[in-house]
Amino acid sequence: MGGKNTKYDGVFFTAVKTTGIYCKPSCSAKKPKRENVIFYDTKKETAKNGYRPCMVCKP
């Protein structure tokens, strides 16, 4: 979601409201609009809220 820097991978995850997908911070997929992004601390938390893993970055 904005670069290939892997420094924050595993620290938090970004979920996109409009797609129902969550990603690593370093995901190379198209960058979403900021107003559509929610941040989560864990993969478990994202799944609990109905998001599925990104097929590009495979978090």
C-alpha atoms as a PDB file:
ATOM      1  CA  MET A   1       0.000   0.000   0.000  1.00  0.00           C
ATOM      2  CA  GLY A   2       2.510   2.533  -0.933  1.00  0.00           C
ATOM      3  CA  GLY A   3       5.931   1.043  -1.422  1.00  0.00           C
ATOM      4  CA  LYS A   4       7.976  -2.081  -1.139  1.00  0.00           C
ATOM      5  CA  ASN A   5       9.532  -1.244   2.230  1.00  0.00           C
ATOM      6  CA  THR A   6       8.907  -4.336   4.354  1.00  0.00           C
ATOM      7  CA  LYS A   7       9.806  -2.646   7.656  1.00  0.00           C
ATOM      8  CA  TYR A   8       6.187  -2.680   8.888  1.00  0.00           C
ATOM      9  CA  ASP A   9       5.097  -6.063   7.510  1.00  0.00           C
ATOM     10  CA  GLY A  10       3.645  -8.028  10.417  1.00  0.00           C
ATOM     11  CA  VAL A  11       3.447  -4.898  12.591  1.00  0.00           C
ATOM     12  CA  PHE A  12       0.050  -3.900  11.173  1.00  0.00           C
ATOM     13  CA  PHE A  13      -2.243  -4.709   8.255  1.00  0.00           C
ATOM     14  CA  THR A  14      -4.249  -2.445   5.972  1.00  0.00           C
ATOM     15  CA  ALA A  15      -7.824  -3.341   5.045  1.00  0.00           C
ATOM     16  CA  VAL A  16      -9.749  -1.739   2.193  1.00  0.00           C
ATOM     17  CA  LYS A  17     -13.448  -1.139   2.899  1.00  0.00           C
ATOM     18  CA  THR A  18     -14.461  -1.113  -0.777  1.00  0.00           C
ATOM     19  CA  THR A  19     -12.824  -4.438  -1.695  1.00  0.00           C
ATOM     20  CA  GLY A  20     -13.011  -6.426   1.549  1.00  0.00           C
ATOM     21  CA  ILE A  21      -9.309  -7.265   1.220  1.00  0.00           C
ATOM     22  CA  TYR A  22      -6.426  -6.806   3.659  1.00  0.00           C
ATOM     23  CA  CYS A  23      -2.751  -6.410   2.784  1.00  0.00           C
ATOM     24  CA  LYS A  24       0.750  -6.072   4.138  1.00  0.00           C
ATOM     25  CA  PRO A  25       1.921  -2.434   4.274  1.00  0.00           C
ATOM     26  CA  SER A  26       4.421  -3.236   1.496  1.00  0.00           C
ATOM     27  CA  CYS A  27       1.811  -4.594  -0.949  1.00  0.00           C
ATOM     28  CA  SER A  28       2.454  -3.716  -4.586  1.00  0.00           C
ATOM     29  CA  ALA A  29      -1.242  -3.785  -5.550  1.00  0.00           C
ATOM     30  CA  LYS A  30      -2.952  -0.564  -6.619  1.00  0.00           C
ATOM     31  CA  LYS A  31      -2.950   1.971  -3.774  1.00  0.00           C
ATOM     32  CA  PRO A  32      -6.472   2.600  -2.391  1.00  0.00           C
ATOM     33  CA  LYS A  33      -7.910   5.968  -1.425  1.00  0.00           C
ATOM     34  CA  ARG A  34      -6.985   6.794   2.177  1.00  0.00           C
ATOM     35  CA  GLU A  35     -10.636   7.223   3.207  1.00  0.00           C
ATOM     36  CA  ASN A  36     -11.246   3.554   2.282  1.00  0.00           C
ATOM     37  CA  VAL A  37      -8.428   2.156   4.452  1.00  0.00           C
ATOM     38  CA  ILE A  38      -8.667   0.769   7.984  1.00  0.00           C
ATOM     39  CA  PHE A  39      -5.627  -0.363   9.990  1.00  0.00           C
ATOM     40  CA  TYR A  40      -5.515  -3.531  12.095  1.00  0.00           C
ATOM     41  CA  ASP A  41      -2.865  -4.948  14.419  1.00  0.00           C
ATOM     42  CA  THR A  42      -3.331  -8.625  13.512  1.00  0.00           C
ATOM     43  CA  LYS A  43      -4.476 -10.857  10.655  1.00  0.00           C
ATOM     44  CA  LYS A  44      -6.931 -12.482  13.068  1.00  0.00           C
ATOM     45  CA  GLU A  45      -8.523  -9.092  13.717  1.00  0.00           C
ATOM     46  CA  THR A  46      -8.931  -8.393   9.986  1.00  0.00           C
ATOM     47  CA  ALA A  47     -10.524 -11.789   9.354  1.00  0.00           C
ATOM     48  CA  LYS A  48     -12.859 -11.310  12.332  1.00  0.00           C
ATOM     49  CA  ASN A  49     -14.060  -8.097  10.681  1.00  0.00           C
ATOM     50  CA  GLY A  50     -14.809  -9.842   7.377  1.00  0.00           C
ATOM     51  CA  TYR A  51     -11.698  -9.086   5.312  1.00  0.00           C
ATOM     52  CA  ARG A  52      -9.899 -11.683   3.189  1.00  0.00           C
ATOM     53  CA  PRO A  53      -6.160 -11.842   2.402  1.00  0.00           C
ATOM     54  CA  CYS A  54      -4.780 -10.099  -0.677  1.00  0.00           C
ATOM     55  CA  MET A  55      -3.746 -12.422  -3.507  1.00  0.00           C
ATOM     56  CA  VAL A  56      -0.855 -10.114  -4.450  1.00  0.00           C
ATOM     57  CA  CYS A  57       1.057  -9.791  -1.158  1.00  0.00           C
ATOM     58  CA  LYS A  58      -0.363 -12.906   0.556  1.00  0.00           C
ATOM     59  CA  PRO A  59      -0.272 -11.582   4.145  1.00  0.00           C
END
